[in-house]
PDB file of N, CA and C in Angstrom:
ATOM      1  N   MET A   1      14.164  27.922  17.836  1.00  0.00           N
ATOM      2  CA  MET A   1      13.859  27.077  16.852  1.00  0.00           C
ATOM      3  C   MET A   1      12.260  27.292  16.176  1.00  0.00           C
ATOM      4  N   LYS A   2      12.663  27.307  14.998  1.00  0.00           N
ATOM      5  CA  LYS A   2      11.223  27.796  13.874  1.00  0.00           C
ATOM      6  C   LYS A   2      10.322  26.648  13.783  1.00  0.00           C
ATOM      7  N   LYS A   3       8.578  27.366  14.115  1.00  0.00           N
ATOM      8  CA  LYS A   3       8.159  26.093  14.395  1.00  0.00           C
ATOM      9  C   LYS A   3       7.779  25.613  12.629  1.00  0.00           C
ATOM     10  N   MET A   4       7.418  24.312  12.207  1.00  0.00           N
ATOM     11  CA  MET A   4       7.324  24.141  10.959  1.00  0.00           C
ATOM     12  C   MET A   4       5.665  24.044  10.945  1.00  0.00           C
ATOM     13  N   LYS A   5       5.360  24.689   9.530  1.00  0.00           N
ATOM     14  CA  LYS A   5       3.700  24.972   9.652  1.00  0.00           C
ATOM     15  C   LYS A   5       3.379  23.777   8.790  1.00  0.00           C
ATOM     16  N   LYS A   6       2.415  23.263   9.445  1.00  0.00           N
ATOM     17  CA  LYS A   6       2.035  22.292   8.685  1.00  0.00           C
ATOM     18  C   LYS A   6       1.031  23.233   7.425  1.00  0.00           C
ATOM     19  N   GLN A   7       1.160  22.277   6.177  1.00  0.00           N
ATOM     20  CA  GLN A   7       0.994  22.624   4.859  1.00  0.00           C
ATOM     21  C   GLN A   7      -0.422  21.964   4.714  1.00  0.00           C
ATOM     22  N   LYS A   8      -1.306  22.479   4.271  1.00  0.00           N
ATOM     23  CA  LYS A   8      -2.827  22.125   4.427  1.00  0.00           C
ATOM     24  C   LYS A   8      -2.694  21.561   2.206  1.00  0.00           C
ATOM     25  N   TYR A   9      -3.035  20.288   2.742  1.00  0.00           N
ATOM     26  CA  TYR A   9      -3.041  19.671   1.259  1.00  0.00           C
ATOM     27  C   TYR A   9      -4.593  20.165   0.242  1.00  0.00           C
ATOM     28  N   ASP A  10      -4.592  21.262  -0.391  1.00  0.00           N
ATOM     29  CA  ASP A  10      -5.924  21.675  -1.349  1.00  0.00           C
ATOM     30  C   ASP A  10      -5.764  21.795  -2.374  1.00  0.00           C
ATOM     31  N   LEU A  11      -6.519  20.972  -3.163  1.00  0.00           N
ATOM     32  CA  LEU A  11      -6.166  21.076  -4.400  1.00  0.00           C
ATOM     33  C   LEU A  11      -6.951  22.300  -5.427  1.00  0.00           C
ATOM     34  N   GLU A  12      -8.287  22.503  -4.848  1.00  0.00           N
ATOM     35  CA  GLU A  12      -8.815  23.548  -5.052  1.00  0.00           C
ATOM     36  C   GLU A  12      -7.658  24.997  -5.352  1.00  0.00           C
ATOM     37  N   GLU A  13      -7.307  25.247  -3.956  1.00  0.00           N
ATOM     38  CA  GLU A  13      -6.132  26.160  -3.768  1.00  0.00           C
ATOM     39  C   GLU A  13      -4.775  26.079  -4.697  1.00  0.00           C
ATOM     40  N   ARG A  14      -5.007  24.841  -5.241  1.00  0.00           N
ATOM     41  CA  ARG A  14      -3.069  24.928  -5.785  1.00  0.00           C
ATOM     42  C   ARG A  14      -3.548  25.081  -7.540  1.00  0.00           C
ATOM     43  N   LEU A  15      -4.936  24.613  -7.767  1.00  0.00           N
ATOM     44  CA  LEU A  15      -5.417  24.949  -9.374  1.00  0.00           C
ATOM     45  C   LEU A  15      -5.391  26.482  -9.281  1.00  0.00           C
ATOM     46  N   LEU A  16      -6.207  27.116  -8.354  1.00  0.00           N
ATOM     47  CA  LEU A  16      -6.681  28.427  -8.197  1.00  0.00           C
ATOM     48  C   LEU A  16      -4.859  29.129  -9.369  1.00  0.00           C
ATOM     49  N   GLU A  17      -4.141  28.696  -7.661  1.00  0.00           N
ATOM     50  CA  GLU A  17      -2.787  29.413  -7.806  1.00  0.00           C
ATOM     51  C   GLU A  17      -1.953  29.185  -9.523  1.00  0.00           C
ATOM     52  N   TYR A  18      -2.616  27.842  -9.752  1.00  0.00           N
ATOM     53  CA  TYR A  18      -1.691  27.825 -10.926  1.00  0.00           C
ATOM     54  C   TYR A  18      -2.599  28.038 -12.083  1.00  0.00           C
ATOM     55  N   SER A  19      -3.572  28.571 -12.134  1.00  0.00           N
ATOM     56  CA  SER A  19      -4.392  29.447 -13.044  1.00  0.00           C
ATOM     57  C   SER A  19      -3.856  30.878 -12.607  1.00  0.00           C
ATOM     58  N   VAL A  20      -3.799  31.577 -12.171  1.00  0.00           N
ATOM     59  CA  VAL A  20      -2.713  32.379 -11.594  1.00  0.00           C
ATOM     60  C   VAL A  20      -1.412  32.588 -12.246  1.00  0.00           C
ATOM     61  N   ARG A  21      -0.559  31.756 -12.347  1.00  0.00           N
ATOM     62  CA  ARG A  21       0.531  31.366 -12.438  1.00  0.00           C
ATOM     63  C   ARG A  21       0.526  31.605 -14.206  1.00  0.00           C
ATOM     64  N   ILE A  22      -0.303  30.805 -14.552  1.00  0.00           N
ATOM     65  CA  ILE A  22      -0.566  30.797 -16.152  1.00  0.00           C
ATOM     66  C   ILE A  22      -0.864  32.012 -16.811  1.00  0.00           C
ATOM     67  N   ILE A  23      -1.786  33.067 -16.327  1.00  0.00           N
ATOM     68  CA  ILE A  23      -2.156  34.048 -16.352  1.00  0.00           C
ATOM     69  C   ILE A  23      -0.605  35.113 -16.774  1.00  0.00           C
ATOM     70  N   LYS A  24      -0.075  34.912 -15.272  1.00  0.00           N
ATOM     71  CA  LYS A  24       1.056  35.677 -15.373  1.00  0.00           C
ATOM     72  C   LYS A  24       2.158  35.112 -16.752  1.00  0.00           C
ATOM     73  N   THR A  25       2.104  33.858 -16.848  1.00  0.00           N
ATOM     74  CA  THR A  25       3.131  33.664 -18.332  1.00  0.00           C
ATOM     75  C   THR A  25       2.530  34.384 -19.428  1.00  0.00           C
ATOM     76  N   VAL A  26       1.243  34.107 -19.812  1.00  0.00           N
ATOM     77  CA  VAL A  26       1.084  34.346 -20.479  1.00  0.00           C
ATOM     78  C   VAL A  26       0.641  36.068 -20.821  1.00  0.00           C
ATOM     79  N   LYS A  27       1.251  36.492 -19.995  1.00  0.00           N
ATOM     80  CA  LYS A  27       1.388  37.960 -19.792  1.00  0.00           C
ATOM     81  C   LYS A  27       2.670  38.363 -20.271  1.00  0.00           C
ATOM     82  N   GLN A  28       3.716  37.550 -19.886  1.00  0.00           N
ATOM     83  CA  GLN A  28       5.037  37.886 -20.638  1.00  0.00           C
ATOM     84  C   GLN A  28       5.443  37.516 -22.218  1.00  0.00           C
ATOM     85  N   LEU A  29       4.126  36.542 -22.481  1.00  0.00           N
ATOM     86  CA  LEU A  29       4.431  36.781 -23.867  1.00  0.00           C
ATOM     87  C   LEU A  29       4.660  37.770 -25.472  1.00  0.00           C
ATOM     88  N   PRO A  30       4.952  37.714 -26.288  1.00  0.00           N
ATOM     89  CA  PRO A  30       5.322  39.145 -27.041  1.00  0.00           C
ATOM     90  C   PRO A  30       4.370  38.914 -27.793  1.00  0.00           C
ATOM     91  N   LYS A  31       3.441  40.388 -28.143  1.00  0.00           N
ATOM     92  CA  LYS A  31       2.597  40.786 -29.010  1.00  0.00           C
ATOM     93  C   LYS A  31       3.162  40.829 -30.472  1.00  0.00           C
ATOM     94  N   THR A  32       2.863  39.176 -30.921  1.00  0.00           N
ATOM     95  CA  THR A  32       3.232  39.216 -32.382  1.00  0.00           C
ATOM     96  C   THR A  32       2.308  37.733 -32.848  1.00  0.00           C
ATOM     97  N   ARG A  33       2.261  37.318 -33.859  1.00  0.00           N
ATOM     98  CA  ARG A  33       0.860  36.659 -34.478  1.00  0.00           C
ATOM     99  C   ARG A  33       1.429  35.384 -33.783  1.00  0.00           C
ATOM    100  N   THR A  34       2.655  34.699 -33.709  1.00  0.00           N
ATOM    101  CA  THR A  34       2.639  33.520 -32.407  1.00  0.00           C
ATOM    102  C   THR A  34       2.688  33.805 -31.440  1.00  0.00           C
ATOM    103  N   GLY A  35       3.164  34.899 -30.510  1.00  0.00           N
ATOM    104  CA  GLY A  35       2.989  35.191 -29.450  1.00  0.00           C
ATOM    105  C   GLY A  35       1.473  35.170 -29.060  1.00  0.00           C
ATOM    106  N   ASN A  36       0.561  35.629 -29.721  1.00  0.00           N
ATOM    107  CA  ASN A  36      -0.823  36.077 -29.324  1.00  0.00           C
ATOM    108  C   ASN A  36      -1.512  34.577 -29.573  1.00  0.00           C
ATOM    109  N   HIS A  37      -1.067  33.349 -30.729  1.00  0.00           N
ATOM    110  CA  HIS A  37      -1.800  32.472 -31.161  1.00  0.00           C
ATOM    111  C   HIS A  37      -1.496  31.471 -29.478  1.00  0.00           C
ATOM    112  N   VAL A  38      -0.321  31.236 -29.311  1.00  0.00           N
ATOM    113  CA  VAL A  38      -0.216  30.932 -28.333  1.00  0.00           C
ATOM    114  C   VAL A  38      -0.158  31.180 -26.705  1.00  0.00           C
ATOM    115  N   ALA A  39      -0.249  32.209 -26.642  1.00  0.00           N
ATOM    116  CA  ALA A  39      -1.204  33.119 -25.685  1.00  0.00           C
ATOM    117  C   ALA A  39      -2.282  32.428 -25.653  1.00  0.00           C
ATOM    118  N   GLY A  40      -3.339  32.887 -26.555  1.00  0.00           N
ATOM    119  CA  GLY A  40      -4.526  31.942 -26.510  1.00  0.00           C
ATOM    120  C   GLY A  40      -4.702  30.904 -25.748  1.00  0.00           C
ATOM    121  N   GLN A  41      -4.211  29.807 -26.983  1.00  0.00           N
ATOM    122  CA  GLN A  41      -4.313  28.581 -26.090  1.00  0.00           C
ATOM    123  C   GLN A  41      -4.017  28.295 -25.130  1.00  0.00           C
ATOM    124  N   LEU A  42      -2.671  29.024 -24.590  1.00  0.00           N
ATOM    125  CA  LEU A  42      -2.054  28.503 -22.646  1.00  0.00           C
ATOM    126  C   LEU A  42      -3.305  29.543 -22.205  1.00  0.00           C
ATOM    127  N   LEU A  43      -3.895  30.488 -22.154  1.00  0.00           N
ATOM    128  CA  LEU A  43      -4.605  30.753 -21.523  1.00  0.00           C
ATOM    129  C   LEU A  43      -6.057  30.390 -21.521  1.00  0.00           C
ATOM    130  N   ARG A  44      -6.570  29.092 -22.663  1.00  0.00           N
ATOM    131  CA  ARG A  44      -7.543  28.509 -22.531  1.00  0.00           C
ATOM    132  C   ARG A  44      -6.818  27.153 -21.782  1.00  0.00           C
ATOM    133  N   SER A  45      -6.379  26.378 -22.019  1.00  0.00           N
ATOM    134  CA  SER A  45      -5.902  25.172 -21.532  1.00  0.00           C
ATOM    135  C   SER A  45      -5.408  25.319 -20.327  1.00  0.00           C
ATOM    136  N   GLY A  46      -4.772  26.510 -19.856  1.00  0.00           N
ATOM    137  CA  GLY A  46      -4.188  26.550 -18.401  1.00  0.00           C
ATOM    138  C   GLY A  46      -4.943  27.182 -17.616  1.00  0.00           C
ATOM    139  N   THR A  47      -5.974  27.199 -18.173  1.00  0.00           N
ATOM    140  CA  THR A  47      -6.958  28.308 -16.693  1.00  0.00           C
ATOM    141  C   THR A  47      -8.090  26.784 -16.795  1.00  0.00           C
ATOM    142  N   SER A  48      -8.217  25.957 -17.234  1.00  0.00           N
ATOM    143  CA  SER A  48      -9.760  25.588 -17.614  1.00  0.00           C
ATOM    144  C   SER A  48      -9.761  24.359 -16.528  1.00  0.00           C
ATOM    145  N   ALA A  49      -8.213  23.943 -16.012  1.00  0.00           N
ATOM    146  CA  ALA A  49      -8.503  22.933 -14.693  1.00  0.00           C
ATOM    147  C   ALA A  49      -9.133  22.890 -13.640  1.00  0.00           C
ATOM    148  N   TYR A  50      -8.746  24.449 -13.235  1.00  0.00           N
ATOM    149  CA  TYR A  50      -9.699  24.908 -12.342  1.00  0.00           C
ATOM    150  C   TYR A  50     -11.185  24.834 -12.508  1.00  0.00           C
ATOM    151  N   PRO A  51     -12.095  25.422 -13.383  1.00  0.00           N
ATOM    152  CA  PRO A  51     -13.173  25.397 -13.168  1.00  0.00           C
ATOM    153  C   PRO A  51     -13.841  24.034 -13.229  1.00  0.00           C
ATOM    154  N   ASN A  52     -12.986  23.120 -13.902  1.00  0.00           N
ATOM    155  CA  ASN A  52     -13.486  21.859 -14.791  1.00  0.00           C
ATOM    156  C   ASN A  52     -13.666  20.981 -13.504  1.00  0.00           C
ATOM    157  N   HIS A  53     -12.566  21.381 -12.511  1.00  0.00           N
ATOM    158  CA  HIS A  53     -12.595  20.923 -11.138  1.00  0.00           C
ATOM    159  C   HIS A  53     -13.706  21.182 -10.269  1.00  0.00           C
ATOM    160  N   GLY A  54     -14.043  22.109  -9.661  1.00  0.00           N
ATOM    161  CA  GLY A  54     -15.558  22.433  -9.544  1.00  0.00           C
ATOM    162  C   GLY A  54     -16.189  21.933 -10.321  1.00  0.00           C
ATOM    163  N   GLU A  55     -16.358  21.721 -11.349  1.00  0.00           N
ATOM    164  CA  GLU A  55     -17.504  21.569 -12.153  1.00  0.00           C
ATOM    165  C   GLU A  55     -17.816  20.132 -11.783  1.00  0.00           C
ATOM    166  N   ALA A  56     -16.190  18.879 -11.514  1.00  0.00           N
ATOM    167  CA  ALA A  56     -16.378  17.638 -10.692  1.00  0.00           C
ATOM    168  C   ALA A  56     -16.700  17.307  -9.506  1.00  0.00           C
ATOM    169  N   GLN A  57     -16.791  18.694  -8.794  1.00  0.00           N
ATOM    170  CA  GLN A  57     -16.989  18.495  -7.501  1.00  0.00           C
ATOM    171  C   GLN A  57     -18.789  17.943  -7.140  1.00  0.00           C
ATOM    172  N   ALA A  58     -19.264  19.029  -8.353  1.00  0.00           N
ATOM    173  CA  ALA A  58     -20.514  19.196  -8.436  1.00  0.00           C
ATOM    174  C   ALA A  58     -21.281  18.053  -9.260  1.00  0.00           C
ATOM    175  N   ALA A  59     -20.386  17.286  -9.704  1.00  0.00           N
ATOM    176  CA  ALA A  59     -20.805  16.181 -10.856  1.00  0.00           C
ATOM    177  C   ALA A  59     -22.337  15.459 -10.286  1.00  0.00           C
ATOM    178  N   GLU A  60     -23.037  15.094 -11.468  1.00  0.00           N
ATOM    179  CA  GLU A  60     -24.216  14.999 -10.457  1.00  0.00           C
ATOM    180  C   GLU A  60     -24.262  13.327 -10.916  1.00  0.00           C
ATOM    181  N   SER A  61     -23.399  12.762 -10.922  1.00  0.00           N
ATOM    182  CA  SER A  61     -23.239  10.908 -10.833  1.00  0.00           C
ATOM    183  C   SER A  61     -21.231  10.516 -10.810  1.00  0.00           C
ATOM    184  N   PRO A  62     -21.197   9.232 -10.459  1.00  0.00           N
ATOM    185  CA  PRO A  62     -20.211   9.123 -10.475  1.00  0.00           C
ATOM    186  C   PRO A  62     -19.548   9.096 -11.466  1.00  0.00           C
ATOM    187  N   LYS A  63     -20.059   8.828 -12.838  1.00  0.00           N
ATOM    188  CA  LYS A  63     -19.520   8.762 -14.254  1.00  0.00           C
ATOM    189  C   LYS A  63     -19.271  10.009 -14.589  1.00  0.00           C
ATOM    190  N   ASP A  64     -20.284  11.357 -14.315  1.00  0.00           N
ATOM    191  CA  ASP A  64     -19.672  12.402 -14.584  1.00  0.00           C
ATOM    192  C   ASP A  64     -18.928  13.193 -13.542  1.00  0.00           C
ATOM    193  N   PHE A  65     -18.310  12.309 -13.024  1.00  0.00           N
ATOM    194  CA  PHE A  65     -17.445  13.078 -12.174  1.00  0.00           C
ATOM    195  C   PHE A  65     -16.017  12.752 -12.630  1.00  0.00           C
ATOM    196  N   ILE A  66     -16.222  11.206 -13.116  1.00  0.00           N
ATOM    197  CA  ILE A  66     -14.678  11.011 -13.780  1.00  0.00           C
ATOM    198  C   ILE A  66     -14.535  11.860 -15.050  1.00  0.00           C
ATOM    199  N   HIS A  67     -15.732  12.224 -15.747  1.00  0.00           N
ATOM    200  CA  HIS A  67     -15.653  12.460 -16.945  1.00  0.00           C
ATOM    201  C   HIS A  67     -15.093  14.223 -16.664  1.00  0.00           C
ATOM    202  N   LYS A  68     -15.396  14.701 -15.499  1.00  0.00           N
ATOM    203  CA  LYS A  68     -15.092  15.880 -15.806  1.00  0.00           C
ATOM    204  C   LYS A  68     -13.791  15.862 -15.119  1.00  0.00           C
ATOM    205  N   LEU A  69     -13.115  14.778 -14.628  1.00  0.00           N
ATOM    206  CA  LEU A  69     -11.774  14.925 -13.960  1.00  0.00           C
ATOM    207  C   LEU A  69     -10.821  14.875 -15.004  1.00  0.00           C
ATOM    208  N   ARG A  70     -11.385  13.854 -16.111  1.00  0.00           N
ATOM    209  CA  ARG A  70     -11.029  13.588 -17.521  1.00  0.00           C
ATOM    210  C   ARG A  70     -10.604  14.741 -18.180  1.00  0.00           C
ATOM    211  N   ILE A  71     -11.835  15.771 -18.266  1.00  0.00           N
ATOM    212  CA  ILE A  71     -11.272  17.453 -18.957  1.00  0.00           C
ATOM    213  C   ILE A  71     -10.373  17.593 -18.392  1.00  0.00           C
ATOM    214  N   SER A  72     -10.129  18.143 -16.949  1.00  0.00           N
ATOM    215  CA  SER A  72      -9.267  18.698 -16.188  1.00  0.00           C
ATOM    216  C   SER A  72      -7.919  17.748 -17.025  1.00  0.00           C
ATOM    217  N   LEU A  73      -7.757  16.900 -16.675  1.00  0.00           N
ATOM    218  CA  LEU A  73      -6.389  15.976 -17.136  1.00  0.00           C
ATOM    219  C   LEU A  73      -6.012  15.769 -18.566  1.00  0.00           C
ATOM    220  N   LYS A  74      -6.932  16.372 -19.084  1.00  0.00           N
ATOM    221  CA  LYS A  74      -6.622  16.306 -20.732  1.00  0.00           C
ATOM    222  C   LYS A  74      -6.383  18.085 -21.110  1.00  0.00           C
ATOM    223  N   GLU A  75      -6.937  18.675 -20.481  1.00  0.00           N
ATOM    224  CA  GLU A  75      -6.274  20.423 -20.386  1.00  0.00           C
ATOM    225  C   GLU A  75      -5.165  20.604 -20.053  1.00  0.00           C
ATOM    226  N   LEU A  76      -5.000  20.166 -18.916  1.00  0.00           N
ATOM    227  CA  LEU A  76      -3.387  19.983 -18.106  1.00  0.00           C
ATOM    228  C   LEU A  76      -2.166  19.639 -19.269  1.00  0.00           C
ATOM    229  N   ARG A  77      -2.426  18.524 -19.805  1.00  0.00           N
ATOM    230  CA  ARG A  77      -1.495  17.612 -20.608  1.00  0.00           C
ATOM    231  C   ARG A  77      -1.369  18.832 -21.837  1.00  0.00           C
ATOM    232  N   GLU A  78      -1.984  19.159 -22.661  1.00  0.00           N
ATOM    233  CA  GLU A  78      -1.882  20.522 -23.536  1.00  0.00           C
ATOM    234  C   GLU A  78      -1.474  21.563 -22.767  1.00  0.00           C
ATOM    235  N   THR A  79      -1.360  22.302 -21.814  1.00  0.00           N
ATOM    236  CA  THR A  79      -1.060  23.171 -21.056  1.00  0.00           C
ATOM    237  C   THR A  79       0.561  22.973 -21.655  1.00  0.00           C
ATOM    238  N   GLN A  80       0.525  21.426 -20.601  1.00  0.00           N
ATOM    239  CA  GLN A  80       2.271  21.133 -20.968  1.00  0.00           C
ATOM    240  C   GLN A  80       2.833  20.934 -21.841  1.00  0.00           C
ATOM    241  N   ARG A  81       2.412  20.714 -22.995  1.00  0.00           N
ATOM    242  CA  ARG A  81       2.751  20.959 -24.480  1.00  0.00           C
ATOM    243  C   ARG A  81       3.343  22.158 -25.186  1.00  0.00           C
ATOM    244  N   TRP A  82       2.083  23.042 -24.719  1.00  0.00           N
ATOM    245  CA  TRP A  82       2.197  24.604 -24.741  1.00  0.00           C
ATOM    246  C   TRP A  82       3.324  25.056 -24.178  1.00  0.00           C
ATOM    247  N   LEU A  83       3.719  25.141 -22.791  1.00  0.00           N
ATOM    248  CA  LEU A  83       4.382  25.506 -22.385  1.00  0.00           C
ATOM    249  C   LEU A  83       5.924  25.107 -22.382  1.00  0.00           C
ATOM    250  N   LYS A  84       6.012  23.416 -22.907  1.00  0.00           N
ATOM    251  CA  LYS A  84       7.556  23.239 -23.506  1.00  0.00           C
ATOM    252  C   LYS A  84       7.813  23.757 -24.615  1.00  0.00           C
ATOM    253  N   LEU A  85       6.988  24.271 -25.543  1.00  0.00           N
ATOM    254  CA  LEU A  85       6.612  25.026 -26.904  1.00  0.00           C
ATOM    255  C   LEU A  85       7.585  25.954 -26.434  1.00  0.00           C
ATOM    256  N   ILE A  86       6.832  27.439 -25.105  1.00  0.00           N
ATOM    257  CA  ILE A  86       7.037  28.718 -25.225  1.00  0.00           C
ATOM    258  C   ILE A  86       8.642  27.890 -24.920  1.00  0.00           C
ATOM    259  N   GLN A  87       9.031  27.181 -23.992  1.00  0.00           N
ATOM    260  CA  GLN A  87      10.610  27.281 -23.729  1.00  0.00           C
ATOM    261  C   GLN A  87      11.317  27.038 -24.394  1.00  0.00           C
ATOM    262  N   ARG A  88      10.867  25.914 -25.764  1.00  0.00           N
ATOM    263  CA  ARG A  88      12.012  25.174 -26.711  1.00  0.00           C
ATOM    264  C   ARG A  88      12.324  26.591 -27.919  1.00  0.00           C
ATOM    265  N   ILE A  89      11.187  27.386 -28.023  1.00  0.00           N
ATOM    266  CA  ILE A  89      11.063  28.402 -28.842  1.00  0.00           C
ATOM    267  C   ILE A  89      13.025  29.646 -28.491  1.00  0.00           C
ATOM    268  N   PRO A  90      12.981  29.882 -27.507  1.00  0.00           N
ATOM    269  CA  PRO A  90      11.772  30.450 -26.395  1.00  0.00           C
ATOM    270  C   PRO A  90      11.193  31.236 -26.555  1.00  0.00           C
ATOM    271  N   LEU A  91       9.867  31.709 -26.585  1.00  0.00           N
ATOM    272  CA  LEU A  91       8.994  32.621 -26.407  1.00  0.00           C
ATOM    273  C   LEU A  91       9.512  33.837 -25.517  1.00  0.00           C
ATOM    274  N   ILE A  92       9.567  33.314 -24.299  1.00  0.00           N
ATOM    275  CA  ILE A  92       9.859  34.727 -23.133  1.00  0.00           C
ATOM    276  C   ILE A  92      11.761  34.608 -22.938  1.00  0.00           C
ATOM    277  N   LYS A  93      11.917  35.601 -22.198  1.00  0.00           N
ATOM    278  CA  LYS A  93      13.145  36.232 -21.678  1.00  0.00           C
ATOM    279  C   LYS A  93      13.858  35.219 -21.252  1.00  0.00           C
ATOM    280  N   LYS A  94      13.491  34.619 -19.934  1.00  0.00           N
ATOM    281  CA  LYS A  94      14.015  33.252 -19.179  1.00  0.00           C
ATOM    282  C   LYS A  94      13.394  31.964 -19.456  1.00  0.00           C
ATOM    283  N   PRO A  95      13.349  31.461 -20.440  1.00  0.00           N
ATOM    284  CA  PRO A  95      12.283  30.033 -20.352  1.00  0.00           C
ATOM    285  C   PRO A  95      12.855  29.142 -19.300  1.00  0.00           C
ATOM    286  N   GLU A  96      14.157  29.065 -18.931  1.00  0.00           N
ATOM    287  CA  GLU A  96      14.200  28.468 -17.464  1.00  0.00           C
ATOM    288  C   GLU A  96      13.332  28.766 -16.190  1.00  0.00           C
ATOM    289  N   LEU A  97      12.453  29.751 -16.127  1.00  0.00           N
ATOM    290  CA  LEU A  97      11.604  30.151 -15.062  1.00  0.00           C
ATOM    291  C   LEU A  97      10.396  29.050 -15.322  1.00  0.00           C
ATOM    292  N   LEU A  98      10.110  28.766 -16.770  1.00  0.00           N
ATOM    293  CA  LEU A  98       9.368  27.576 -16.923  1.00  0.00           C
ATOM    294  C   LEU A  98       9.281  26.759 -16.588  1.00  0.00           C
ATOM    295  N   ASP A  99      10.552  26.130 -15.965  1.00  0.00           N
ATOM    296  CA  ASP A  99      11.222  24.583 -15.209  1.00  0.00           C
ATOM    297  C   ASP A  99       9.757  24.339 -14.163  1.00  0.00           C
ATOM    298  N   ASP A 100       9.499  25.280 -13.170  1.00  0.00           N
ATOM    299  CA  ASP A 100       8.783  25.301 -11.800  1.00  0.00           C
ATOM    300  C   ASP A 100       7.441  25.166 -12.313  1.00  0.00           C
ATOM    301  N   ILE A 101       7.001  25.848 -13.149  1.00  0.00           N
ATOM    302  CA  ILE A 101       5.409  25.628 -13.607  1.00  0.00           C
ATOM    303  C   ILE A 101       5.258  24.168 -14.482  1.00  0.00           C
ATOM    304  N   LEU A 102       6.208  23.534 -15.038  1.00  0.00           N
ATOM    305  CA  LEU A 102       5.998  22.752 -15.937  1.00  0.00           C
ATOM    306  C   LEU A 102       6.639  21.366 -14.637  1.00  0.00           C
ATOM    307  N   GLN A 103       7.164  21.631 -13.646  1.00  0.00           N
ATOM    308  CA  GLN A 103       7.344  20.596 -12.674  1.00  0.00           C
ATOM    309  C   GLN A 103       5.620  20.368 -12.306  1.00  0.00           C
ATOM    310  N   GLU A 104       4.964  21.691 -11.695  1.00  0.00           N
ATOM    311  CA  GLU A 104       4.016  21.700 -10.711  1.00  0.00           C
ATOM    312  C   GLU A 104       2.541  21.006 -11.846  1.00  0.00           C
ATOM    313  N   THR A 105       2.655  21.631 -13.084  1.00  0.00           N
ATOM    314  CA  THR A 105       2.087  20.697 -14.141  1.00  0.00           C
ATOM    315  C   THR A 105       1.896  19.421 -13.754  1.00  0.00           C
ATOM    316  N   ASP A 106       3.101  18.992 -14.531  1.00  0.00           N
ATOM    317  CA  ASP A 106       3.615  17.267 -13.962  1.00  0.00           C
ATOM    318  C   ASP A 106       2.890  16.473 -12.598  1.00  0.00           C
ATOM    319  N   GLU A 107       2.799  17.761 -11.642  1.00  0.00           N
ATOM    320  CA  GLU A 107       2.448  16.851 -10.469  1.00  0.00           C
ATOM    321  C   GLU A 107       0.962  16.684 -10.430  1.00  0.00           C
ATOM    322  N   LEU A 108       0.042  17.845 -11.055  1.00  0.00           N
ATOM    323  CA  LEU A 108      -1.176  17.842 -11.135  1.00  0.00           C
ATOM    324  C   LEU A 108      -1.457  16.734 -11.739  1.00  0.00           C
ATOM    325  N   ILE A 109      -0.733  16.404 -12.909  1.00  0.00           N
ATOM    326  CA  ILE A 109      -1.171  15.289 -14.118  1.00  0.00           C
ATOM    327  C   ILE A 109      -1.751  14.496 -13.416  1.00  0.00           C
ATOM    328  N   LYS A 110       0.114  13.786 -12.307  1.00  0.00           N
ATOM    329  CA  LYS A 110      -0.204  12.369 -11.817  1.00  0.00           C
ATOM    330  C   LYS A 110      -1.494  12.879 -10.533  1.00  0.00           C
ATOM    331  N   ILE A 111      -1.896  13.775 -10.210  1.00  0.00           N
ATOM    332  CA  ILE A 111      -2.708  13.873  -9.169  1.00  0.00           C
ATOM    333  C   ILE A 111      -4.048  13.614  -9.778  1.00  0.00           C
ATOM    334  N   PHE A 112      -4.382  13.801 -10.858  1.00  0.00           N
ATOM    335  CA  PHE A 112      -5.816  13.331 -11.803  1.00  0.00           C
ATOM    336  C   PHE A 112      -6.120  12.254 -11.970  1.00  0.00           C
ATOM    337  N   VAL A 113      -4.136  11.599 -12.874  1.00  0.00           N
ATOM    338  CA  VAL A 113      -4.497  10.393 -13.436  1.00  0.00           C
ATOM    339  C   VAL A 113      -5.049   9.156 -11.974  1.00  0.00           C
ATOM    340  N   THR A 114      -4.237   9.605 -10.826  1.00  0.00           N
ATOM    341  CA  THR A 114      -4.584   8.762  -9.725  1.00  0.00           C
ATOM    342  C   THR A 114      -5.682   9.057  -9.057  1.00  0.00           C
ATOM    343  N   SER A 115      -6.837  10.018  -9.192  1.00  0.00           N
ATOM    344  CA  SER A 115      -8.028  10.339  -8.800  1.00  0.00           C
ATOM    345  C   SER A 115      -8.667   9.582  -9.347  1.00  0.00           C
ATOM    346  N   ILE A 116      -8.729   9.990 -11.147  1.00  0.00           N
ATOM    347  CA  ILE A 116      -9.313   8.975 -12.363  1.00  0.00           C
ATOM    348  C   ILE A 116      -9.429   7.420 -11.894  1.00  0.00           C
ATOM    349  N   LYS A 117      -8.289   6.929 -11.277  1.00  0.00           N
ATOM    350  CA  LYS A 117      -8.241   5.775 -11.382  1.00  0.00           C
ATOM    351  C   LYS A 117      -8.830   5.528 -10.103  1.00  0.00           C
ATOM    352  N   THR A 118      -8.629   5.807  -8.809  1.00  0.00           N
ATOM    353  CA  THR A 118      -9.623   5.814  -7.750  1.00  0.00           C
ATOM    354  C   THR A 118     -11.003   5.789  -7.935  1.00  0.00           C
ATOM    355  N   ALA A 119     -11.619   6.422  -8.581  1.00  0.00           N
ATOM    356  CA  ALA A 119     -12.804   6.821  -8.919  1.00  0.00           C
ATOM    357  C   ALA A 119     -13.048   5.814  -9.885  1.00  0.00           C
ATOM    358  N   GLU A 120     -12.835   5.511 -10.618  1.00  0.00           N
ATOM    359  CA  GLU A 120     -13.329   4.572 -11.653  1.00  0.00           C
ATOM    360  C   GLU A 120     -13.066   2.834 -10.774  1.00  0.00           C
ATOM    361  N   LYS A 121     -12.139   2.701  -9.822  1.00  0.00           N
ATOM    362  CA  LYS A 121     -12.361   1.412  -8.894  1.00  0.00           C
ATOM    363  C   LYS A 121     -13.647   1.424  -8.240  1.00  0.00           C
ATOM    364  N   LYS A 122     -14.174   2.559  -7.321  1.00  0.00           N
ATOM    365  CA  LYS A 122     -14.517   2.551  -6.332  1.00  0.00           C
ATOM    366  C   LYS A 122     -16.274   2.559  -6.977  1.00  0.00           C
ATOM    367  N   ARG A 123     -16.288   2.912  -8.649  1.00  0.00           N
ATOM    368  CA  ARG A 123     -17.582   2.822  -9.549  1.00  0.00           C
ATOM    369  C   ARG A 123     -17.697   1.542  -9.475  1.00  0.00           C
ATOM    370  N   LYS A 124     -16.943   0.426  -9.835  1.00  0.00           N
ATOM    371  CA  LYS A 124     -16.930  -0.835 -10.282  1.00  0.00           C
ATOM    372  C   LYS A 124     -17.424  -1.788  -8.940  1.00  0.00           C
TER     373      LYS A 124
END
């Protein structure tokens, strides 16, 4: 019988892997005017949650911490929109491959929403 390995919950690692997946998705986009525009936007928004999470960890105050988390959340929501657009057009050969990263985006959004609510409660 195989031993189940305990999976450590590490948001930093998860956000790093998410950024890697975004970069790999961007590389699949066509080198057209549309593809380049969407690629630039997706690259910017999709990789920003990771460094902004790092900024939140180094926040100077609870207010600053919440602000940095909100920036990450905003960028994740924007990324979700770009991914849906890529899938709808479609701008990649197998748009169904984006289902998994869209699921991860949704989960990360939920994590940040919960974290913000918790931090706001603690601040009051």
